[in-house]
Amino acid sequence: MVLSLSPWSGAPFTGHNPDAPLRSLPFGEGRGIVTYLVLEADRQVDIVQIVWLDL
């Protein structure tokens, strides 16, 4: 739901370009990270990778 309502709320994937469309966002009480690409012109968000952390 967060990605559809506020896709820019995730942190930039790299700190070198804070306005880059490639973003990451933790989820599941910090047990996972989703990396996604914001395609503003198409009003679309593409999920690039989901990583579950084994804590």
PDB file of N, CA and C in Angstrom:
ATOM      1  N   MET A   1       0.818  -1.189   0.000  1.00  0.00           N
ATOM      2  CA  MET A   1       0.000   0.000   0.000  1.00  0.00           C
ATOM      3  C   MET A   1       0.868   1.261   0.000  1.00  0.00           C
ATOM      4  N   VAL A   2       1.959   1.233   0.744  1.00  0.00           N
ATOM      5  CA  VAL A   2       2.844   2.399   0.819  1.00  0.00           C
ATOM      6  C   VAL A   2       3.393   2.749  -0.557  1.00  0.00           C
ATOM      7  N   LEU A   3       3.774   1.749  -1.322  1.00  0.00           N
ATOM      8  CA  LEU A   3       4.356   2.018  -2.638  1.00  0.00           C
ATOM      9  C   LEU A   3       3.353   2.657  -3.591  1.00  0.00           C
ATOM     10  N   SER A   4       2.088   2.314  -3.468  1.00  0.00           N
ATOM     11  CA  SER A   4       1.095   2.903  -4.366  1.00  0.00           C
ATOM     12  C   SER A   4       0.691   4.308  -3.934  1.00  0.00           C
ATOM     13  N   LEU A   5       0.750   4.601  -2.647  1.00  0.00           N
ATOM     14  CA  LEU A   5       0.346   5.922  -2.160  1.00  0.00           C
ATOM     15  C   LEU A   5       1.495   6.914  -2.074  1.00  0.00           C
ATOM     16  N   SER A   6       2.667   6.441  -1.705  1.00  0.00           N
ATOM     17  CA  SER A   6       3.803   7.337  -1.475  1.00  0.00           C
ATOM     18  C   SER A   6       5.118   6.670  -1.896  1.00  0.00           C
ATOM     19  N   PRO A   7       5.312   6.448  -3.196  1.00  0.00           N
ATOM     20  CA  PRO A   7       6.494   5.704  -3.636  1.00  0.00           C
ATOM     21  C   PRO A   7       7.818   6.405  -3.346  1.00  0.00           C
ATOM     22  N   TRP A   8       7.812   7.712  -3.210  1.00  0.00           N
ATOM     23  CA  TRP A   8       9.057   8.443  -2.957  1.00  0.00           C
ATOM     24  C   TRP A   8       9.435   8.432  -1.487  1.00  0.00           C
ATOM     25  N   SER A   9       8.660   7.772  -0.641  1.00  0.00           N
ATOM     26  CA  SER A   9       8.970   7.742   0.795  1.00  0.00           C
ATOM     27  C   SER A   9      10.148   6.828   1.123  1.00  0.00           C
ATOM     28  N   GLY A  10      10.499   5.931   0.227  1.00  0.00           N
ATOM     29  CA  GLY A  10      11.649   5.058   0.449  1.00  0.00           C
ATOM     30  C   GLY A  10      12.957   5.820   0.317  1.00  0.00           C
ATOM     31  N   ALA A  11      13.995   5.271   0.895  1.00  0.00           N
ATOM     32  CA  ALA A  11      15.322   5.892   0.822  1.00  0.00           C
ATOM     33  C   ALA A  11      15.927   5.656  -0.556  1.00  0.00           C
ATOM     34  N   PRO A  12      16.738   6.600  -1.048  1.00  0.00           N
ATOM     35  CA  PRO A  12      17.423   6.354  -2.318  1.00  0.00           C
ATOM     36  C   PRO A  12      18.341   5.144  -2.193  1.00  0.00           C
ATOM     37  N   PHE A  13      18.411   4.339  -3.229  1.00  0.00           N
ATOM     38  CA  PHE A  13      19.220   3.125  -3.197  1.00  0.00           C
ATOM     39  C   PHE A  13      20.693   3.441  -3.011  1.00  0.00           C
ATOM     40  N   THR A  14      21.116   4.546  -3.570  1.00  0.00           N
ATOM     41  CA  THR A  14      22.499   4.999  -3.403  1.00  0.00           C
ATOM     42  C   THR A  14      22.489   6.444  -2.925  1.00  0.00           C
ATOM     43  N   GLY A  15      23.376   6.776  -2.025  1.00  0.00           N
ATOM     44  CA  GLY A  15      23.436   8.119  -1.482  1.00  0.00           C
ATOM     45  C   GLY A  15      24.023   9.143  -2.431  1.00  0.00           C
ATOM     46  N   HIS A  16      24.616   8.674  -3.526  1.00  0.00           N
ATOM     47  CA  HIS A  16      25.242   9.588  -4.486  1.00  0.00           C
ATOM     48  C   HIS A  16      24.223  10.415  -5.259  1.00  0.00           C
ATOM     49  N   ASN A  17      23.008   9.899  -5.384  1.00  0.00           N
ATOM     50  CA  ASN A  17      21.962  10.608  -6.121  1.00  0.00           C
ATOM     51  C   ASN A  17      20.650  10.483  -5.357  1.00  0.00           C
ATOM     52  N   PRO A  18      20.392  11.390  -4.416  1.00  0.00           N
ATOM     53  CA  PRO A  18      19.204  11.267  -3.574  1.00  0.00           C
ATOM     54  C   PRO A  18      17.880  11.415  -4.321  1.00  0.00           C
ATOM     55  N   ASP A  19      17.897  11.939  -5.542  1.00  0.00           N
ATOM     56  CA  ASP A  19      16.670  12.084  -6.325  1.00  0.00           C
ATOM     57  C   ASP A  19      16.458  10.942  -7.314  1.00  0.00           C
ATOM     58  N   ALA A  20      17.310   9.935  -7.266  1.00  0.00           N
ATOM     59  CA  ALA A  20      17.219   8.811  -8.202  1.00  0.00           C
ATOM     60  C   ALA A  20      15.919   8.037  -7.991  1.00  0.00           C
ATOM     61  N   PRO A  21      15.370   7.475  -9.055  1.00  0.00           N
ATOM     62  CA  PRO A  21      14.116   6.741  -8.941  1.00  0.00           C
ATOM     63  C   PRO A  21      14.256   5.340  -8.340  1.00  0.00           C
ATOM     64  N   LEU A  22      15.476   4.845  -8.188  1.00  0.00           N
ATOM     65  CA  LEU A  22      15.677   3.537  -7.559  1.00  0.00           C
ATOM     66  C   LEU A  22      15.694   3.740  -6.048  1.00  0.00           C
ATOM     67  N   ARG A  23      14.736   3.118  -5.344  1.00  0.00           N
ATOM     68  CA  ARG A  23      14.529   3.349  -3.922  1.00  0.00           C
ATOM     69  C   ARG A  23      14.529   2.025  -3.170  1.00  0.00           C
ATOM     70  N   SER A  24      14.683   2.099  -1.846  1.00  0.00           N
ATOM     71  CA  SER A  24      14.566   0.903  -1.004  1.00  0.00           C
ATOM     72  C   SER A  24      13.769   1.253   0.240  1.00  0.00           C
ATOM     73  N   LEU A  25      13.081   0.247   0.760  1.00  0.00           N
ATOM     74  CA  LEU A  25      12.199   0.459   1.902  1.00  0.00           C
ATOM     75  C   LEU A  25      12.173  -0.807   2.754  1.00  0.00           C
ATOM     76  N   PRO A  26      12.467  -0.685   4.046  1.00  0.00           N
ATOM     77  CA  PRO A  26      12.361  -1.857   4.919  1.00  0.00           C
ATOM     78  C   PRO A  26      10.891  -2.175   5.202  1.00  0.00           C
ATOM     79  N   PHE A  27      10.615  -3.437   5.501  1.00  0.00           N
ATOM     80  CA  PHE A  27       9.247  -3.847   5.846  1.00  0.00           C
ATOM     81  C   PHE A  27       9.311  -5.009   6.821  1.00  0.00           C
ATOM     82  N   GLY A  28       8.169  -5.375   7.358  1.00  0.00           N
ATOM     83  CA  GLY A  28       8.087  -6.530   8.259  1.00  0.00           C
ATOM     84  C   GLY A  28       8.927  -6.368   9.505  1.00  0.00           C
ATOM     85  N   GLU A  29       8.793  -5.220  10.163  1.00  0.00           N
ATOM     86  CA  GLU A  29       9.549  -4.937  11.390  1.00  0.00           C
ATOM     87  C   GLU A  29      11.054  -5.034  11.149  1.00  0.00           C
ATOM     88  N   GLY A  30      11.495  -4.579   9.970  1.00  0.00           N
ATOM     89  CA  GLY A  30      12.913  -4.589   9.638  1.00  0.00           C
ATOM     90  C   GLY A  30      13.449  -5.934   9.199  1.00  0.00           C
ATOM     91  N   ARG A  31      12.572  -6.878   8.918  1.00  0.00           N
ATOM     92  CA  ARG A  31      13.017  -8.226   8.534  1.00  0.00           C
ATOM     93  C   ARG A  31      13.170  -8.403   7.035  1.00  0.00           C
ATOM     94  N   GLY A  32      12.848  -7.359   6.283  1.00  0.00           N
ATOM     95  CA  GLY A  32      13.003  -7.432   4.840  1.00  0.00           C
ATOM     96  C   GLY A  32      13.222  -6.062   4.237  1.00  0.00           C
ATOM     97  N   ILE A  33      13.722  -6.058   3.018  1.00  0.00           N
ATOM     98  CA  ILE A  33      13.944  -4.816   2.282  1.00  0.00           C
ATOM     99  C   ILE A  33      13.447  -5.023   0.852  1.00  0.00           C
ATOM    100  N   VAL A  34      12.656  -4.081   0.380  1.00  0.00           N
ATOM    101  CA  VAL A  34      12.211  -4.105  -1.010  1.00  0.00           C
ATOM    102  C   VAL A  34      12.939  -2.982  -1.752  1.00  0.00           C
ATOM    103  N   THR A  35      13.456  -3.310  -2.924  1.00  0.00           N
ATOM    104  CA  THR A  35      14.086  -2.325  -3.800  1.00  0.00           C
ATOM    105  C   THR A  35      13.166  -2.172  -5.005  1.00  0.00           C
ATOM    106  N   TYR A  36      12.882  -0.928  -5.357  1.00  0.00           N
ATOM    107  CA  TYR A  36      11.906  -0.687  -6.414  1.00  0.00           C
ATOM    108  C   TYR A  36      12.285   0.540  -7.234  1.00  0.00           C
ATOM    109  N   LEU A  37      11.709   0.629  -8.419  1.00  0.00           N
ATOM    110  CA  LEU A  37      11.980   1.703  -9.357  1.00  0.00           C
ATOM    111  C   LEU A  37      10.700   2.507  -9.562  1.00  0.00           C
ATOM    112  N   VAL A  38      10.776   3.813  -9.338  1.00  0.00           N
ATOM    113  CA  VAL A  38       9.627   4.701  -9.531  1.00  0.00           C
ATOM    114  C   VAL A  38       9.671   5.233 -10.960  1.00  0.00           C
ATOM    115  N   LEU A  39       8.636   4.916 -11.726  1.00  0.00           N
ATOM    116  CA  LEU A  39       8.503   5.410 -13.100  1.00  0.00           C
ATOM    117  C   LEU A  39       7.407   6.475 -13.094  1.00  0.00           C
ATOM    118  N   GLU A  40       7.803   7.679 -12.737  1.00  0.00           N
ATOM    119  CA  GLU A  40       6.855   8.777 -12.518  1.00  0.00           C
ATOM    120  C   GLU A  40       6.019   9.075 -13.759  1.00  0.00           C
ATOM    121  N   ALA A  41       6.635   9.121 -14.923  1.00  0.00           N
ATOM    122  CA  ALA A  41       5.911   9.453 -16.156  1.00  0.00           C
ATOM    123  C   ALA A  41       4.795   8.451 -16.448  1.00  0.00           C
ATOM    124  N   ASP A  42       5.003   7.199 -16.057  1.00  0.00           N
ATOM    125  CA  ASP A  42       4.007   6.146 -16.283  1.00  0.00           C
ATOM    126  C   ASP A  42       3.109   5.920 -15.072  1.00  0.00           C
ATOM    127  N   ARG A  43       3.370   6.660 -13.988  1.00  0.00           N
ATOM    128  CA  ARG A  43       2.644   6.472 -12.724  1.00  0.00           C
ATOM    129  C   ARG A  43       2.695   4.998 -12.312  1.00  0.00           C
ATOM    130  N   GLN A  44       3.920   4.464 -12.314  1.00  0.00           N
ATOM    131  CA  GLN A  44       4.136   3.040 -12.082  1.00  0.00           C
ATOM    132  C   GLN A  44       5.310   2.830 -11.136  1.00  0.00           C
ATOM    133  N   VAL A  45       5.231   1.754 -10.359  1.00  0.00           N
ATOM    134  CA  VAL A  45       6.328   1.329  -9.494  1.00  0.00           C
ATOM    135  C   VAL A  45       6.638  -0.121  -9.843  1.00  0.00           C
ATOM    136  N   ASP A  46       7.899  -0.391 -10.195  1.00  0.00           N
ATOM    137  CA  ASP A  46       8.335  -1.755 -10.508  1.00  0.00           C
ATOM    138  C   ASP A  46       9.206  -2.269  -9.374  1.00  0.00           C
ATOM    139  N   ILE A  47       8.860  -3.419  -8.838  1.00  0.00           N
ATOM    140  CA  ILE A  47       9.673  -4.032  -7.795  1.00  0.00           C
ATOM    141  C   ILE A  47      10.861  -4.717  -8.455  1.00  0.00           C
ATOM    142  N   VAL A  48      12.051  -4.377  -7.984  1.00  0.00           N
ATOM    143  CA  VAL A  48      13.287  -4.907  -8.548  1.00  0.00           C
ATOM    144  C   VAL A  48      13.771  -6.113  -7.752  1.00  0.00           C
ATOM    145  N   GLN A  49      13.690  -6.012  -6.414  1.00  0.00           N
ATOM    146  CA  GLN A  49      14.209  -7.088  -5.566  1.00  0.00           C
ATOM    147  C   GLN A  49      13.529  -7.046  -4.202  1.00  0.00           C
ATOM    148  N   ILE A  50      13.296  -8.223  -3.645  1.00  0.00           N
ATOM    149  CA  ILE A  50      12.820  -8.364  -2.268  1.00  0.00           C
ATOM    150  C   ILE A  50      13.808  -9.261  -1.544  1.00  0.00           C
ATOM    151  N   VAL A  51      14.304  -8.788  -0.409  1.00  0.00           N
ATOM    152  CA  VAL A  51      15.271  -9.548   0.378  1.00  0.00           C
ATOM    153  C   VAL A  51      14.720  -9.717   1.783  1.00  0.00           C
ATOM    154  N   TRP A  52      14.637 -10.971   2.235  1.00  0.00           N
ATOM    155  CA  TRP A  52      14.262 -11.270   3.619  1.00  0.00           C
ATOM    156  C   TRP A  52      15.535 -11.463   4.409  1.00  0.00           C
ATOM    157  N   LEU A  53      15.642 -10.798   5.544  1.00  0.00           N
ATOM    158  CA  LEU A  53      16.817 -10.912   6.400  1.00  0.00           C
ATOM    159  C   LEU A  53      16.575 -11.985   7.440  1.00  0.00           C
ATOM    160  N   ASP A  54      17.526 -12.850   7.632  1.00  0.00           N
ATOM    161  CA  ASP A  54      17.406 -13.921   8.621  1.00  0.00           C
ATOM    162  C   ASP A  54      17.963 -13.413   9.944  1.00  0.00           C
ATOM    163  N   LEU A  55      17.070 -12.940  10.795  1.00  0.00           N
ATOM    164  CA  LEU A  55      17.491 -12.380  12.083  1.00  0.00           C
ATOM    165  C   LEU A  55      17.307 -13.374  13.201  1.00  0.00           C
TER     166      LEU A  55
END
